[in-house]
Protein backbone atom coordinates (compact mmCIF):
# COMPACT_ATOMS: atom_id res chain seq x y z
CA UNK A 1 14.20 -48.60 -37.48
CA UNK A 2 10.89 -48.64 -39.41
CA UNK A 3 8.66 -45.66 -39.67
CA UNK A 4 5.88 -47.35 -37.48
CA UNK A 5 8.26 -47.86 -34.62
CA UNK A 6 9.41 -44.42 -34.72
CA UNK A 7 6.01 -43.05 -34.90
CA UNK A 8 5.26 -45.39 -31.79
CA UNK A 9 8.06 -44.16 -30.01
CA UNK A 10 7.36 -40.55 -30.48
CA UNK A 11 3.62 -41.12 -29.39
CA UNK A 12 5.09 -42.68 -26.26
CA UNK A 13 7.29 -39.77 -25.52
CA UNK A 14 4.56 -37.19 -26.32
CA UNK A 15 2.39 -39.11 -23.93
CA UNK A 16 5.09 -39.11 -21.09
CA UNK A 17 5.84 -35.40 -21.49
CA UNK A 18 2.19 -34.63 -21.58
CA UNK A 19 1.90 -36.73 -18.29
CA UNK A 20 4.48 -34.59 -16.55
CA UNK A 21 2.69 -32.05 -14.12
CA UNK A 22 4.49 -29.31 -12.08
CA UNK A 23 2.90 -28.34 -8.71
CA UNK A 24 3.93 -25.14 -7.11
CA UNK A 25 4.96 -24.84 -3.57
CA UNK A 26 1.55 -24.01 -2.41
CA UNK A 27 -0.30 -26.41 -4.50
CA UNK A 28 -1.28 -30.04 -3.91
CA UNK A 29 -2.63 -32.44 -6.29
CA UNK A 30 -5.50 -35.06 -5.47
CA UNK A 31 -5.25 -37.72 -7.98
CA UNK A 32 -8.14 -40.23 -9.02
CA UNK A 33 -7.11 -43.28 -10.95
CA UNK A 34 -10.24 -44.82 -12.40
CA UNK A 35 -12.39 -43.01 -10.06
CA UNK A 36 -10.49 -43.90 -6.72
CA UNK A 37 -8.28 -41.41 -4.99
CA UNK A 38 -4.68 -42.26 -5.09
CA UNK A 39 -3.62 -41.94 -1.35
CA UNK A 40 -2.28 -38.51 0.04
CA UNK A 41 -2.23 -35.50 -2.23
CA UNK A 42 0.99 -35.20 -4.28
CA UNK A 43 3.23 -32.33 -4.56
CA UNK A 44 4.91 -29.95 -4.67
CA UNK A 45 7.27 -30.41 -7.70
CA UNK A 46 6.91 -32.88 -10.60
CA UNK A 47 4.54 -35.51 -10.64
CA UNK A 48 3.04 -37.83 -13.20
CA UNK A 49 -0.60 -37.94 -14.37
CA UNK A 50 -1.52 -40.81 -16.92
CA UNK A 51 -4.53 -39.59 -18.71
CA UNK A 52 -7.28 -40.81 -19.25
CA UNK A 53 -6.84 -43.26 -16.44
CA UNK A 54 -5.87 -40.49 -13.98
CA UNK A 55 -7.39 -37.02 -13.20
CA UNK A 56 -5.89 -34.35 -11.15
CA UNK A 57 -7.61 -32.00 -8.79
CA UNK A 58 -5.21 -28.85 -7.82
CA UNK A 59 -5.86 -27.65 -4.19
CA UNK A 60 -4.23 -24.23 -3.11
CA UNK A 61 -2.94 -24.32 0.68
CA UNK A 62 -2.39 -20.46 0.70
CA UNK A 63 -4.64 -18.47 3.22
CA UNK A 64 -8.04 -17.16 1.73
CA UNK A 65 -9.87 -14.15 2.94
CA UNK A 66 -13.65 -14.54 2.66
CA UNK A 67 -16.06 -11.61 3.43
CA UNK A 68 -19.26 -12.49 5.26
CA UNK A 69 -22.11 -10.46 3.81
CA UNK A 70 -23.95 -8.09 5.91
CA UNK A 71 -26.43 -9.96 8.53
CA UNK A 72 -29.49 -8.68 10.00
CA UNK A 73 -29.04 -9.38 13.75
CA UNK A 74 -31.30 -8.76 16.62
CA UNK A 75 -29.35 -8.48 19.78
CA UNK A 76 -30.57 -9.75 23.19
CA UNK A 77 -31.72 -6.39 24.14
CA UNK A 78 -33.85 -6.02 20.91
CA UNK A 79 -31.65 -3.83 18.97
CA UNK A 80 -31.69 -4.28 15.25
CA UNK A 81 -28.27 -3.98 13.42
CA UNK A 82 -26.18 -5.01 10.43
CA UNK A 83 -23.05 -6.82 10.91
CA UNK A 84 -20.45 -8.18 8.48
CA UNK A 85 -17.28 -9.94 9.15
CA UNK A 86 -14.09 -11.18 7.40
CA UNK A 87 -12.76 -14.88 7.91
CA UNK A 88 -9.37 -16.15 7.10
CA UNK A 89 -9.07 -19.70 6.14
CA UNK A 90 -6.70 -22.24 4.81
CA UNK A 91 -6.98 -25.87 3.49
CA UNK A 92 -5.17 -28.58 5.75
CA UNK A 93 -5.97 -31.79 4.23
CA UNK A 94 -6.67 -31.33 0.52
CA UNK A 95 -7.84 -35.12 0.13
CA UNK A 96 -10.83 -34.36 2.43
CA UNK A 97 -11.46 -30.97 0.88
CA UNK A 98 -11.79 -32.47 -2.52
CA UNK A 99 -13.97 -35.48 -1.38
CA UNK A 100 -15.98 -34.35 1.32
CA UNK A 101 -17.48 -31.04 -0.13
CA UNK A 102 -18.07 -29.57 -3.51
CA UNK A 103 -17.29 -26.01 -2.77
CA UNK A 104 -15.61 -25.44 0.60
CA UNK A 105 -15.59 -21.63 0.21
CA UNK A 106 -19.37 -21.58 -0.35
CA UNK A 107 -20.07 -23.90 2.55
CA UNK A 108 -17.77 -22.27 4.97
CA UNK A 109 -19.61 -18.86 4.05
CA UNK A 110 -23.00 -20.42 4.85
CA UNK A 111 -21.73 -21.59 8.08
CA UNK A 112 -20.23 -18.28 8.96
CA UNK A 113 -23.36 -16.43 8.27
CA UNK A 114 -25.70 -18.47 10.40
CA UNK A 115 -22.96 -18.52 13.26
CA UNK A 116 -22.48 -14.83 13.09
CA UNK A 117 -26.24 -14.39 13.46
CA UNK A 118 -26.80 -16.93 16.26
CA UNK A 119 -23.79 -15.82 18.34
CA UNK A 120 -24.50 -12.00 18.15
CA UNK A 121 -28.11 -12.61 18.99
CA UNK A 122 -27.29 -14.06 22.20
CA UNK A 123 -25.40 -10.94 23.44
CA UNK A 124 -26.42 -7.40 24.25
CA UNK A 125 -25.28 -4.44 22.37
CA UNK A 126 -22.82 -3.11 24.91
CA UNK A 127 -21.18 -6.45 25.12
CA UNK A 128 -21.07 -6.49 21.31
CA UNK A 129 -19.07 -3.18 21.18
CA UNK A 130 -16.93 -3.62 24.34
CA UNK A 131 -15.95 -7.48 24.04
CA UNK A 132 -15.57 -7.90 20.30
CA UNK A 133 -12.34 -9.97 20.49
CA UNK A 134 -13.98 -12.47 22.82
CA UNK A 135 -16.95 -12.63 20.48
CA UNK A 136 -14.59 -13.16 17.43
CA UNK A 137 -12.85 -16.13 19.10
CA UNK A 138 -16.26 -17.64 20.13
CA UNK A 139 -17.35 -17.41 16.51
CA UNK A 140 -13.89 -18.76 15.21
CA UNK A 141 -14.35 -21.78 17.31
CA UNK A 142 -17.80 -22.56 16.39
CA UNK A 143 -17.07 -22.34 12.58
CA UNK A 144 -13.97 -24.39 13.02
CA UNK A 145 -15.97 -27.05 14.31
CA UNK A 146 -17.96 -27.27 11.36
CA UNK A 147 -14.99 -27.09 8.77
CA UNK A 148 -12.57 -29.46 10.36
CA UNK A 149 -14.48 -32.52 8.94
CA UNK A 150 -13.64 -31.58 5.30
CA UNK A 151 -9.86 -30.37 6.12
CA UNK A 152 -10.40 -26.65 6.28
CA UNK A 153 -8.85 -24.62 9.22
CA UNK A 154 -10.53 -21.12 10.28
CA UNK A 155 -7.37 -19.00 11.06
CA UNK A 156 -9.37 -16.05 12.32
CA UNK A 157 -12.58 -14.27 12.38
CA UNK A 158 -12.95 -10.52 12.58
CA UNK A 159 -16.25 -8.54 13.02
CA UNK A 160 -15.63 -6.02 10.35
CA UNK A 161 -18.34 -3.38 10.94
CA UNK A 162 -21.34 -2.92 13.08
CA UNK A 163 -24.16 -0.55 11.33
CA UNK A 164 -26.51 0.84 13.98
CA UNK A 165 -29.73 2.57 13.24
CA UNK A 166 -29.81 6.35 13.30
CA UNK A 167 -32.04 6.61 16.24
CA UNK A 168 -29.60 4.24 18.19
CA UNK A 169 -26.62 6.46 17.43
CA UNK A 170 -28.46 9.62 18.58
CA UNK A 171 -29.25 7.79 21.74
CA UNK A 172 -25.72 6.74 22.39
CA UNK A 173 -24.60 10.30 21.65
CA UNK A 174 -26.94 11.55 24.25
CA UNK A 175 -25.70 9.05 26.76
CA UNK A 176 -22.10 9.68 26.23
CA UNK A 177 -22.76 13.55 26.43
CA UNK A 178 -24.74 12.96 29.86
CA UNK A 179 -21.75 10.72 31.10
CA UNK A 180 -19.31 13.50 30.27
CA UNK A 181 -21.61 16.25 31.97
CA UNK A 182 -21.68 13.90 35.07
CA UNK A 183 -17.86 13.20 35.21
CA UNK A 184 -17.51 17.24 34.88
CA UNK A 185 -19.78 17.79 37.70
CA UNK A 186 -18.15 15.13 39.83
CA UNK A 187 -14.69 16.59 38.97
CA UNK A 188 -15.74 20.15 39.79
CA UNK A 189 -17.45 19.21 43.14
CA UNK A 190 -14.32 17.34 44.05
CA UNK A 191 -12.28 20.30 43.37
CA UNK A 192 -14.37 22.77 45.51
CA UNK A 193 -14.33 20.19 48.37
CA UNK A 194 -10.39 20.14 48.23
CA UNK A 195 -10.39 23.89 47.81
CA UNK A 196 -12.68 24.20 51.09
CA UNK A 197 -10.39 21.87 52.84
CA UNK A 198 -7.31 23.82 52.15
CA UNK A 199 -8.96 26.97 53.00
CA UNK A 200 -9.82 25.52 56.44
CA UNK A 201 -6.36 24.39 56.92
CA UNK A 202 -5.09 27.89 55.95
CA UNK A 203 -7.67 29.57 58.47
CA UNK A 204 -6.34 27.13 61.31
CA UNK A 205 -2.85 28.14 60.76
CA UNK A 206 -3.53 31.82 60.61
CA UNK A 207 -5.38 31.75 63.68
CA UNK A 208 -2.27 30.36 65.33
CA UNK A 209 0.12 32.99 63.71
CA UNK A 210 -1.63 36.40 63.45
CA UNK A 211 1.24 37.81 61.46
CA UNK A 212 0.50 35.63 58.51
CA UNK A 213 -2.86 37.57 57.85
CA UNK A 214 -0.97 40.62 57.71
CA UNK A 215 1.68 39.08 55.32
CA UNK A 216 -1.09 37.87 53.24
CA UNK A 217 -2.68 41.42 53.20
CA UNK A 218 0.50 42.89 52.14
CA UNK A 219 0.77 40.29 49.19
CA UNK A 220 -2.60 41.12 47.92
CA UNK A 221 -1.70 44.87 47.72
CA UNK A 222 1.40 43.87 45.81
CA UNK A 223 -0.72 41.68 43.23
CA UNK A 224 -3.24 44.36 42.78
CA UNK A 225 -0.52 47.06 42.21
CA UNK A 226 0.92 44.86 39.40
CA UNK A 227 -2.10 43.93 37.50
CA UNK A 228 -4.18 46.98 38.11
CA UNK A 229 -2.04 50.11 37.89
CA UNK A 230 -4.69 52.61 37.79
CA UNK A 231 -6.41 51.26 41.11
CA UNK A 232 -5.60 53.34 44.16
CA UNK A 233 -5.47 51.29 47.45
CA UNK A 234 -5.68 52.73 50.89
CA UNK A 235 -4.08 50.37 53.42
CA UNK A 236 -6.22 50.28 56.69
CA UNK A 237 -4.63 48.46 59.56
CA UNK A 238 -6.56 45.58 61.17
CA UNK A 239 -6.07 47.01 64.47
CA UNK A 240 -8.06 50.16 63.60
CA UNK A 241 -10.73 48.18 62.21
CA UNK A 242 -11.01 46.08 65.54
CA UNK A 243 -11.03 49.35 67.52
CA UNK A 244 -13.87 50.56 65.35
CA UNK A 245 -15.65 47.34 65.97
CA UNK A 246 -15.29 47.83 69.65
CA UNK A 247 -16.36 51.46 69.61
CA UNK A 248 -19.57 50.56 67.76
CA UNK A 249 -20.44 47.72 70.25
CA UNK A 250 -19.75 50.25 73.43
CA UNK A 251 -21.99 52.61 71.92
CA UNK A 252 -24.79 50.00 70.98
CA UNK A 253 -24.72 48.59 74.36
CA UNK A 254 -25.96 51.51 76.32
CA UNK A 255 -28.79 51.90 73.88
CA UNK A 256 -29.89 48.46 74.30
CA UNK A 257 -29.88 49.00 78.15
CA UNK A 258 -32.07 52.14 77.72
């Protein structure tokens, strides 16, 4: 075999070896032949790209986390705050992603910023703080509607941080403190009411059984003797107190008649 033939074979072998491309499991290759896309994306594994007729654009199918820069938002109740978010997205159709947009990450970021401002501007501050999950779902649905035409799926949207003005933080702290005080007063009032109801029940029971009052009196003496050993208690029968009251009443009655 002549040298020119060997040289030509070597060139062909080198060209074929250079045409072999290996795509990883998470990669797809969109091939353009003479400027026209060659059907669906190729990969993973070994593919052939015959340059200069063919050109390949590699696209990753892995999820990407994108942070939305802090946005100035004015809520429906005229509260100014800064809000940022994190968006997780992935490529579903590599061919559309390459053909339809120049930079799908940048375009998704712009959609996310405008959607974040418009959606959060329609709600009040309390709704933003209390129903964040519903707002995340709504933002995701809107952004996903914008990105679906170029083959990108928005997996999740999470409002990451809400920066409130200092004056609003102080007002919320005062509101929370006032709410705690209100609850404490209500609980205290309920406790007083329940205690009064129990005392009424105890008085009614003692009225039916006079001996219970004497037993309670003796129990009180026992408690005083245990807790305060230096206290001297002189028991005074209740009958004596009743007799003394009757005597005072009898003495006072003739004076009134005179």
